[in-house]
Amino acid sequence: MSPYTKNLNYHNERRLEYLEYQRPRGYEILCLAARGLSNREIGEELCISPCTVKNIFWDMYKSFGAKNRAHMVAKAIMAGIIPFTRDDYESTN
């Protein structure tokens, strides 16, 4: 295993730990955002306020070094933190 791959795996594990332990709703929010839901729709789905969704996103942006929602979702998919299968996203169209 190359040092780059080893380092990448370490950072992905740390990011997943962040989602699982520091922000338990972060993973759910990220998956719903990947399906194209707005903050309001995510809030309704999880029974939390859109402001809470927004705050959790801002925390995740800082943790992952993302610039915006699309960048955050892309980083999570590329890191293997959230799944990306055609079946997950076809039902939203």
Protein backbone atom coordinates (compact mmCIF):
# COMPACT_ATOMS: atom_id res chain seq x y z
CA MET A 1 0.00 0.00 0.00
CA SER A 2 1.43 3.38 -0.98
CA PRO A 3 1.87 6.11 1.64
CA TYR A 4 -0.70 8.21 -0.25
CA THR A 5 -3.33 5.45 -0.09
CA LYS A 6 -2.57 4.78 3.56
CA ASN A 7 -2.94 8.49 4.37
CA LEU A 8 -6.16 8.75 2.34
CA ASN A 9 -7.67 5.76 4.15
CA TYR A 10 -6.73 7.27 7.52
CA HIS A 11 -8.43 10.56 6.66
CA ASN A 12 -11.55 8.80 5.37
CA GLU A 13 -11.78 6.83 8.61
CA ARG A 14 -11.44 10.04 10.63
CA ARG A 15 -14.19 11.69 8.56
CA LEU A 16 -16.47 8.71 9.04
CA GLU A 17 -15.79 8.82 12.79
CA TYR A 18 -16.76 12.48 12.75
CA LEU A 19 -20.06 11.68 11.07
CA GLU A 20 -20.82 8.72 13.34
CA TYR A 21 -19.86 10.17 16.71
CA GLN A 22 -19.74 13.96 16.64
CA ARG A 23 -22.70 14.52 14.34
CA PRO A 24 -24.90 11.41 14.27
CA ARG A 25 -27.36 13.11 11.91
CA GLY A 26 -24.55 14.14 9.57
CA TYR A 27 -24.55 10.86 7.67
CA GLU A 28 -28.32 10.91 7.19
CA ILE A 29 -28.24 14.55 6.09
CA LEU A 30 -25.43 13.87 3.66
CA CYS A 31 -27.26 10.92 2.07
CA LEU A 32 -30.45 12.97 1.68
CA ALA A 33 -28.50 15.90 0.20
CA ALA A 34 -26.95 13.49 -2.30
CA ARG A 35 -30.49 12.67 -3.42
CA GLY A 36 -31.06 16.38 -4.11
CA LEU A 37 -33.21 17.32 -1.13
CA SER A 38 -33.18 20.92 0.15
CA ASN A 39 -32.51 21.87 3.78
CA ARG A 40 -36.25 22.22 4.33
CA GLU A 41 -36.99 18.80 2.82
CA ILE A 42 -34.18 17.18 4.82
CA GLY A 43 -35.51 18.81 7.99
CA GLU A 44 -39.02 17.51 7.31
CA GLU A 45 -37.69 14.01 6.60
CA LEU A 46 -35.67 13.91 9.85
CA CYS A 47 -38.05 16.00 12.00
CA ILE A 48 -35.48 18.73 12.64
CA SER A 49 -35.42 22.40 11.66
CA PRO A 50 -33.86 23.57 8.41
CA CYS A 51 -31.53 25.76 10.53
CA THR A 52 -30.22 22.66 12.28
CA VAL A 53 -29.60 21.05 8.89
CA LYS A 54 -27.72 24.16 7.78
CA ASN A 55 -25.60 24.22 10.97
CA ILE A 56 -24.67 20.56 10.57
CA PHE A 57 -23.68 21.22 6.96
CA TRP A 58 -21.42 24.10 8.02
CA ASP A 59 -19.71 21.85 10.56
CA MET A 60 -19.21 19.18 7.90
CA TYR A 61 -17.84 21.73 5.42
CA LYS A 62 -15.15 22.67 7.94
CA SER A 63 -14.34 19.06 8.82
CA PHE A 64 -14.10 17.89 5.21
CA GLY A 65 -12.62 21.07 3.76
CA ALA A 66 -15.57 21.42 1.37
CA LYS A 67 -16.56 24.68 -0.28
CA ASN A 68 -20.29 24.03 -0.71
CA ARG A 69 -22.98 21.35 -0.62
CA ALA A 70 -22.12 19.81 -4.00
CA HIS A 71 -18.42 19.70 -3.11
CA MET A 72 -19.27 18.08 0.23
CA VAL A 73 -21.41 15.37 -1.39
CA ALA A 74 -18.78 14.73 -4.07
CA LYS A 75 -16.02 14.36 -1.45
CA ALA A 76 -18.16 11.96 0.58
CA ILE A 77 -18.96 9.83 -2.47
CA MET A 78 -15.32 9.75 -3.63
CA ALA A 79 -14.19 8.81 -0.12
CA GLY A 80 -16.72 5.97 -0.01
CA ILE A 81 -18.49 7.47 2.99
CA ILE A 82 -21.87 7.54 1.32
CA PRO A 83 -22.98 5.04 -1.31
CA PHE A 84 -23.36 5.94 -4.94
CA THR A 85 -25.49 3.50 -6.84
CA ARG A 86 -27.89 4.18 -9.65
CA ASP A 87 -30.79 2.61 -7.72
CA ASP A 88 -30.37 5.10 -4.86
CA TYR A 89 -30.91 8.09 -7.12
CA GLU A 90 -33.27 6.89 -9.85
CA SER A 91 -36.25 6.94 -7.49
CA THR A 92 -35.90 10.73 -7.01
CA ASN A 93 -36.40 11.54 -10.70
